[in-house]
Amino acid sequence: MSRGRSEESKKRPGEDRSIDRVFVGIARDAAGDEGIVGIHTAEGWMPLVCSTRSALQKMEEMARTMADASGEQIHFVRFERGDTFARFKPRPPR
C-alpha cells in the first residue's frame, strides 16, 4: 500500500513520519453537492487524494483535464490532522 511518503521519506531515521495532512480533489455539481473526484484505473476507482505536495503537483494536470471534460470546477482542499476517532488493530487468527 502506497502512503504517499516521497517527501516524508527524506526525513532522518527517528523523525515522525506520520501523515499530518491530506489533499482531496473535490467537485461541485449544478445542485451544489460536493463529491470527491477520482479516476478509473485498471485496479478500480482511485480518488484524487494525496498527502504530499509533490503528489499534489502530479494530480493537478489530471484535475485540469477532468475539469475540461466535465465542465465542472475541481478544487483541492487541504485537511489537517485532527483527533483519531477510531483505530483498528488486527484480530487474532480464527
Protein backbone atom coordinates (compact mmCIF):
# COMPACT_ATOMS: atom_id res chain seq x y z
CA MET A 1 0.00 0.00 0.00
CA SER A 2 1.42 3.37 -1.02
CA ARG A 3 1.22 6.03 1.62
CA GLY A 4 2.47 8.97 -0.40
CA ARG A 5 5.63 9.40 1.57
CA SER A 6 8.02 10.70 -1.09
CA GLU A 7 8.63 13.92 0.87
CA GLU A 8 8.47 12.20 4.24
CA SER A 9 10.98 9.55 3.17
CA LYS A 10 13.63 12.29 3.11
CA LYS A 11 13.35 12.62 6.87
CA ARG A 12 16.05 11.23 9.08
CA PRO A 13 15.58 7.96 10.99
CA GLY A 14 13.69 8.57 14.20
CA GLU A 15 11.79 11.56 12.85
CA ASP A 16 7.99 11.47 12.83
CA ARG A 17 6.74 10.02 9.52
CA SER A 18 3.03 10.41 10.29
CA ILE A 19 0.70 11.85 7.71
CA ASP A 20 -0.28 15.25 9.10
CA ARG A 21 -2.39 16.49 6.17
CA VAL A 22 -4.18 15.23 3.09
CA PHE A 23 -5.17 17.00 -0.10
CA VAL A 24 -8.50 15.97 -1.63
CA GLY A 25 -9.83 16.74 -5.12
CA ILE A 26 -13.42 17.93 -4.87
CA ALA A 27 -16.03 18.95 -7.47
CA ARG A 28 -19.39 20.62 -7.00
CA ASP A 29 -22.30 19.73 -9.28
CA ALA A 30 -25.06 22.02 -10.56
CA ALA A 31 -27.21 21.23 -7.50
CA GLY A 32 -24.41 22.40 -5.17
CA ASP A 33 -23.49 18.95 -3.92
CA GLU A 34 -19.78 18.23 -3.48
CA GLY A 35 -18.04 14.93 -4.01
CA ILE A 36 -14.54 13.52 -4.11
CA VAL A 37 -13.10 13.39 -7.61
CA GLY A 38 -11.48 10.21 -8.86
CA ILE A 39 -10.30 8.40 -11.95
CA HIS A 40 -10.99 4.89 -13.17
CA THR A 41 -7.89 2.71 -13.44
CA ALA A 42 -7.31 -0.95 -14.23
CA GLU A 43 -7.41 -1.58 -10.47
CA GLY A 44 -10.67 0.31 -9.95
CA TRP A 45 -11.65 3.80 -8.85
CA MET A 46 -8.81 5.94 -7.47
CA PRO A 47 -9.80 9.11 -5.61
CA LEU A 48 -7.62 12.19 -6.07
CA VAL A 49 -6.28 12.12 -2.52
CA CYS A 50 -2.66 12.51 -1.51
CA SER A 51 -0.53 13.55 1.45
CA THR A 52 2.44 15.34 -0.15
CA ARG A 53 2.81 18.46 -2.24
CA SER A 54 4.86 16.57 -4.83
CA ALA A 55 1.98 14.12 -5.36
CA LEU A 56 -0.46 17.05 -5.47
CA GLN A 57 1.54 18.63 -8.29
CA LYS A 58 1.28 15.37 -10.25
CA MET A 59 -2.50 15.31 -9.76
CA GLU A 60 -3.02 18.90 -10.93
CA GLU A 61 -2.87 18.04 -14.64
CA MET A 62 -5.36 15.18 -14.12
CA ALA A 63 -7.69 17.63 -12.37
CA ARG A 64 -7.37 20.18 -15.19
CA THR A 65 -8.19 17.52 -17.79
CA MET A 66 -11.17 16.30 -15.76
CA ALA A 67 -12.48 19.87 -15.31
CA ASP A 68 -12.25 20.47 -19.07
CA ALA A 69 -14.05 17.20 -19.83
CA SER A 70 -16.80 17.57 -17.21
CA GLY A 71 -17.34 21.31 -17.35
CA GLU A 72 -17.22 21.37 -13.55
CA GLN A 73 -14.73 23.21 -11.40
CA ILE A 74 -12.39 20.95 -9.45
CA HIS A 75 -10.52 22.21 -6.44
CA PHE A 76 -8.20 20.66 -3.88
CA VAL A 77 -8.88 21.07 -0.19
CA ARG A 78 -6.25 20.52 2.48
CA PHE A 79 -7.36 18.71 5.61
CA GLU A 80 -5.10 18.88 8.66
CA ARG A 81 -4.71 16.04 11.13
CA GLY A 82 -7.38 16.07 13.77
CA ASP A 83 -8.28 13.69 16.53
CA THR A 84 -8.08 9.97 15.86
CA PHE A 85 -11.63 8.77 16.40
CA ALA A 86 -11.21 5.08 15.57
CA ARG A 87 -8.33 2.66 15.49
CA PHE A 88 -8.48 -0.94 14.29
CA LYS A 89 -5.90 -3.50 15.27
CA PRO A 90 -5.58 -6.84 13.52
CA ARG A 91 -7.72 -9.54 15.05
CA PRO A 92 -6.12 -12.80 16.08
CA PRO A 93 -6.49 -15.57 13.50
CA ARG A 94 -9.52 -17.80 13.98
